[in-house]
Amino acid sequence: MIKKLRHIGIIVEDFDRAVKKFEGFGLPLSEEMEREDAGMRIGFFPIGDTLIEFLQFSPDKGWDSVHKVVRAQKGALNHLCFEVDNLDESIKDFEKNGAKLLEGSPMKGAHGRVAFFEPATTENVLVEICEV
């Protein structure tokens, strides 16, 4: 039986740049580790009971069958949505940290006002913020 969502894994190209950007968005890095055997660098950002996991793979290590499949997974994650207290202020904070608002944002969402940011400016992750 599933108890809760533990983490959301995202493969990033430049670990340090991705961490700096997401810390700038207000997500603190709580844990970082190297897995030499798998050729991975891993970082975790807690949000409530869930973690966002960043993975950066070494190009020359970690090509066992499991990591080969993990590395090849593209497009399965559509977006991350973060609930915020004040949408307008959060947009300013995101923009100060290099995120570019998608044309047409902010707008009415399924549960309140939402805004999306250009994935190219958020480490190739489609990020949504929501004020409910």
C-alpha atoms as a PDB file:
ATOM      1  CA  MET A   1       0.000   0.000   0.000  1.00  0.00           C
ATOM      2  CA  ILE A   2       1.324   3.444  -0.916  1.00  0.00           C
ATOM      3  CA  LYS A   3       1.752   5.726   2.107  1.00  0.00           C
ATOM      4  CA  LYS A   4       2.928   8.994   0.511  1.00  0.00           C
ATOM      5  CA  LEU A   5       4.984  10.509  -2.267  1.00  0.00           C
ATOM      6  CA  ARG A   6       8.614  10.301  -1.098  1.00  0.00           C
ATOM      7  CA  HIS A   7      10.419  12.263  -3.814  1.00  0.00           C
ATOM      8  CA  ILE A   8      10.346  13.504  -7.390  1.00  0.00           C
ATOM      9  CA  GLY A   9      13.559  12.783  -9.306  1.00  0.00           C
ATOM     10  CA  ILE A  10      14.861  15.214 -11.914  1.00  0.00           C
ATOM     11  CA  ILE A  11      17.976  14.718 -14.035  1.00  0.00           C
ATOM     12  CA  VAL A  12      19.932  17.972 -14.343  1.00  0.00           C
ATOM     13  CA  GLU A  13      22.815  18.816 -16.654  1.00  0.00           C
ATOM     14  CA  ASP A  14      24.705  21.162 -14.296  1.00  0.00           C
ATOM     15  CA  PHE A  15      24.193  20.217 -10.647  1.00  0.00           C
ATOM     16  CA  ASP A  16      25.709  23.353  -9.077  1.00  0.00           C
ATOM     17  CA  ARG A  17      23.806  25.716 -11.361  1.00  0.00           C
ATOM     18  CA  ALA A  18      20.511  23.837 -10.766  1.00  0.00           C
ATOM     19  CA  VAL A  19      20.980  23.866  -6.970  1.00  0.00           C
ATOM     20  CA  LYS A  20      21.823  27.570  -6.941  1.00  0.00           C
ATOM     21  CA  LYS A  21      18.788  28.397  -9.065  1.00  0.00           C
ATOM     22  CA  PHE A  22      16.322  26.353  -6.992  1.00  0.00           C
ATOM     23  CA  GLU A  23      17.776  27.693  -3.730  1.00  0.00           C
ATOM     24  CA  GLY A  24      17.154  31.151  -5.210  1.00  0.00           C
ATOM     25  CA  PHE A  25      13.525  30.107  -5.715  1.00  0.00           C
ATOM     26  CA  GLY A  26      13.309  29.467  -1.956  1.00  0.00           C
ATOM     27  CA  LEU A  27      13.991  25.708  -1.841  1.00  0.00           C
ATOM     28  CA  PRO A  28      16.842  24.880   0.544  1.00  0.00           C
ATOM     29  CA  LEU A  29      19.173  21.996  -0.320  1.00  0.00           C
ATOM     30  CA  SER A  30      18.985  19.656   2.679  1.00  0.00           C
ATOM     31  CA  GLU A  31      21.311  16.860   1.583  1.00  0.00           C
ATOM     32  CA  GLU A  32      23.944  16.322  -1.072  1.00  0.00           C
ATOM     33  CA  MET A  33      25.888  13.164  -1.860  1.00  0.00           C
ATOM     34  CA  GLU A  34      28.169  11.563  -4.427  1.00  0.00           C
ATOM     35  CA  ARG A  35      27.624   7.992  -5.584  1.00  0.00           C
ATOM     36  CA  GLU A  36      30.937   7.185  -7.240  1.00  0.00           C
ATOM     37  CA  ASP A  37      29.857   3.607  -7.992  1.00  0.00           C
ATOM     38  CA  ALA A  38      26.905   4.857 -10.046  1.00  0.00           C
ATOM     39  CA  GLY A  39      28.559   8.017 -11.341  1.00  0.00           C
ATOM     40  CA  MET A  40      25.922  10.219  -9.744  1.00  0.00           C
ATOM     41  CA  ARG A  41      25.715  13.420  -7.778  1.00  0.00           C
ATOM     42  CA  ILE A  42      22.457  13.710  -5.840  1.00  0.00           C
ATOM     43  CA  GLY A  43      20.767  16.536  -3.949  1.00  0.00           C
ATOM     44  CA  PHE A  44      17.494  16.751  -2.040  1.00  0.00           C
ATOM     45  CA  PHE A  45      15.156  19.711  -1.492  1.00  0.00           C
ATOM     46  CA  PRO A  46      12.420  19.114   1.128  1.00  0.00           C
ATOM     47  CA  ILE A  47       8.931  20.461   0.599  1.00  0.00           C
ATOM     48  CA  GLY A  48       6.655  19.311   3.401  1.00  0.00           C
ATOM     49  CA  ASP A  49       6.834  15.522   3.491  1.00  0.00           C
ATOM     50  CA  THR A  50       8.086  15.274  -0.103  1.00  0.00           C
ATOM     51  CA  LEU A  51      11.562  15.743  -1.547  1.00  0.00           C
ATOM     52  CA  ILE A  52      12.689  16.953  -4.944  1.00  0.00           C
ATOM     53  CA  GLU A  53      15.768  14.960  -5.956  1.00  0.00           C
ATOM     54  CA  PHE A  54      18.286  16.339  -8.453  1.00  0.00           C
ATOM     55  CA  LEU A  55      20.500  13.781 -10.203  1.00  0.00           C
ATOM     56  CA  GLN A  56      23.553  14.555 -12.288  1.00  0.00           C
ATOM     57  CA  PHE A  57      25.201  11.605 -14.034  1.00  0.00           C
ATOM     58  CA  SER A  58      28.850  11.281 -14.967  1.00  0.00           C
ATOM     59  CA  PRO A  59      29.195  10.627 -18.707  1.00  0.00           C
ATOM     60  CA  ASP A  60      31.689   7.797 -18.167  1.00  0.00           C
ATOM     61  CA  LYS A  61      30.360   5.930 -15.097  1.00  0.00           C
ATOM     62  CA  GLY A  62      27.174   4.272 -13.933  1.00  0.00           C
ATOM     63  CA  TRP A  63      26.043   2.602 -17.119  1.00  0.00           C
ATOM     64  CA  ASP A  64      24.671  -0.562 -15.492  1.00  0.00           C
ATOM     65  CA  SER A  65      21.252  -1.718 -16.707  1.00  0.00           C
ATOM     66  CA  VAL A  66      19.208   0.145 -14.079  1.00  0.00           C
ATOM     67  CA  HIS A  67      20.973   3.492 -14.455  1.00  0.00           C
ATOM     68  CA  LYS A  68      20.932   3.152 -18.230  1.00  0.00           C
ATOM     69  CA  VAL A  69      17.119   3.146 -18.079  1.00  0.00           C
ATOM     70  CA  VAL A  70      17.006   5.951 -15.476  1.00  0.00           C
ATOM     71  CA  ARG A  71      19.290   8.129 -17.621  1.00  0.00           C
ATOM     72  CA  ALA A  72      17.241   7.521 -20.751  1.00  0.00           C
ATOM     73  CA  GLN A  73      13.900   8.527 -19.189  1.00  0.00           C
ATOM     74  CA  LYS A  74      12.764  11.707 -20.898  1.00  0.00           C
ATOM     75  CA  GLY A  75       9.518  13.612 -20.683  1.00  0.00           C
ATOM     76  CA  ALA A  76       7.757  11.600 -17.996  1.00  0.00           C
ATOM     77  CA  LEU A  77       7.525  14.548 -15.597  1.00  0.00           C
ATOM     78  CA  ASN A  78       5.244  17.308 -16.847  1.00  0.00           C
ATOM     79  CA  HIS A  79       5.721  20.016 -14.232  1.00  0.00           C
ATOM     80  CA  LEU A  80       6.286  20.866 -10.582  1.00  0.00           C
ATOM     81  CA  CYS A  81       3.729  23.087  -8.865  1.00  0.00           C
ATOM     82  CA  PHE A  82       4.652  24.958  -5.698  1.00  0.00           C
ATOM     83  CA  GLU A  83       1.991  26.592  -3.537  1.00  0.00           C
ATOM     84  CA  VAL A  84       2.885  30.164  -2.535  1.00  0.00           C
ATOM     85  CA  ASP A  85       1.320  32.747  -0.213  1.00  0.00           C
ATOM     86  CA  ASN A  86       1.557  35.683  -2.615  1.00  0.00           C
ATOM     87  CA  LEU A  87       1.712  34.961  -6.348  1.00  0.00           C
ATOM     88  CA  ASP A  88       2.840  38.427  -7.438  1.00  0.00           C
ATOM     89  CA  GLU A  89       5.671  38.608  -4.903  1.00  0.00           C
ATOM     90  CA  SER A  90       6.755  35.046  -5.722  1.00  0.00           C
ATOM     91  CA  ILE A  91       6.871  35.870  -9.432  1.00  0.00           C
ATOM     92  CA  LYS A  92       9.244  38.745  -8.619  1.00  0.00           C
ATOM     93  CA  ASP A  93      11.427  36.429  -6.513  1.00  0.00           C
ATOM     94  CA  PHE A  94      11.572  33.831  -9.290  1.00  0.00           C
ATOM     95  CA  GLU A  95      12.411  36.480 -11.883  1.00  0.00           C
ATOM     96  CA  LYS A  96      15.187  37.864  -9.644  1.00  0.00           C
ATOM     97  CA  ASN A  97      16.691  34.372  -9.783  1.00  0.00           C
ATOM     98  CA  GLY A  98      16.609  34.116 -13.561  1.00  0.00           C
ATOM     99  CA  ALA A  99      13.202  32.545 -14.224  1.00  0.00           C
ATOM    100  CA  LYS A 100      11.215  33.962 -17.149  1.00  0.00           C
ATOM    101  CA  LEU A 101       7.425  34.012 -16.954  1.00  0.00           C
ATOM    102  CA  LEU A 102       5.617  32.153 -19.733  1.00  0.00           C
ATOM    103  CA  GLU A 103       3.532  34.350 -21.996  1.00  0.00           C
ATOM    104  CA  GLY A 104      -0.052  34.361 -20.707  1.00  0.00           C
ATOM    105  CA  SER A 105       0.976  33.949 -17.066  1.00  0.00           C
ATOM    106  CA  PRO A 106      -0.291  34.585 -14.459  1.00  0.00           C
ATOM    107  CA  MET A 107      -3.748  33.195 -15.109  1.00  0.00           C
ATOM    108  CA  LYS A 108      -6.683  31.426 -13.504  1.00  0.00           C
ATOM    109  CA  GLY A 109      -5.836  27.829 -12.629  1.00  0.00           C
ATOM    110  CA  ALA A 110      -7.804  24.845 -11.433  1.00  0.00           C
ATOM    111  CA  HIS A 111      -7.373  25.996  -7.816  1.00  0.00           C
ATOM    112  CA  GLY A 112      -6.658  29.729  -7.735  1.00  0.00           C
ATOM    113  CA  ARG A 113      -4.199  31.915  -9.656  1.00  0.00           C
ATOM    114  CA  VAL A 114      -1.178  30.269 -11.254  1.00  0.00           C
ATOM    115  CA  ALA A 115       1.969  31.233 -13.146  1.00  0.00           C
ATOM    116  CA  PHE A 116       4.291  29.131 -15.279  1.00  0.00           C
ATOM    117  CA  PHE A 117       7.942  29.789 -16.088  1.00  0.00           C
ATOM    118  CA  GLU A 118       9.940  29.012 -19.244  1.00  0.00           C
ATOM    119  CA  PRO A 119      11.621  25.635 -18.658  1.00  0.00           C
ATOM    120  CA  ALA A 120      14.834  26.896 -20.275  1.00  0.00           C
ATOM    121  CA  THR A 121      15.125  29.339 -17.348  1.00  0.00           C
ATOM    122  CA  THR A 122      14.325  26.777 -14.617  1.00  0.00           C
ATOM    123  CA  GLU A 123      16.831  24.014 -15.447  1.00  0.00           C
ATOM    124  CA  ASN A 124      14.542  22.452 -18.083  1.00  0.00           C
ATOM    125  CA  VAL A 125      11.811  21.847 -15.498  1.00  0.00           C
ATOM    126  CA  LEU A 126       8.370  23.317 -16.178  1.00  0.00           C
ATOM    127  CA  VAL A 127       7.654  25.126 -12.906  1.00  0.00           C
ATOM    128  CA  GLU A 128       4.235  26.371 -11.851  1.00  0.00           C
ATOM    129  CA  ILE A 129       3.472  28.444  -8.788  1.00  0.00           C
ATOM    130  CA  CYS A 130      -0.037  28.601  -7.380  1.00  0.00           C
ATOM    131  CA  GLU A 131      -1.845  30.902  -4.958  1.00  0.00           C
ATOM    132  CA  VAL A 132      -4.946  29.198  -3.567  1.00  0.00           C
END
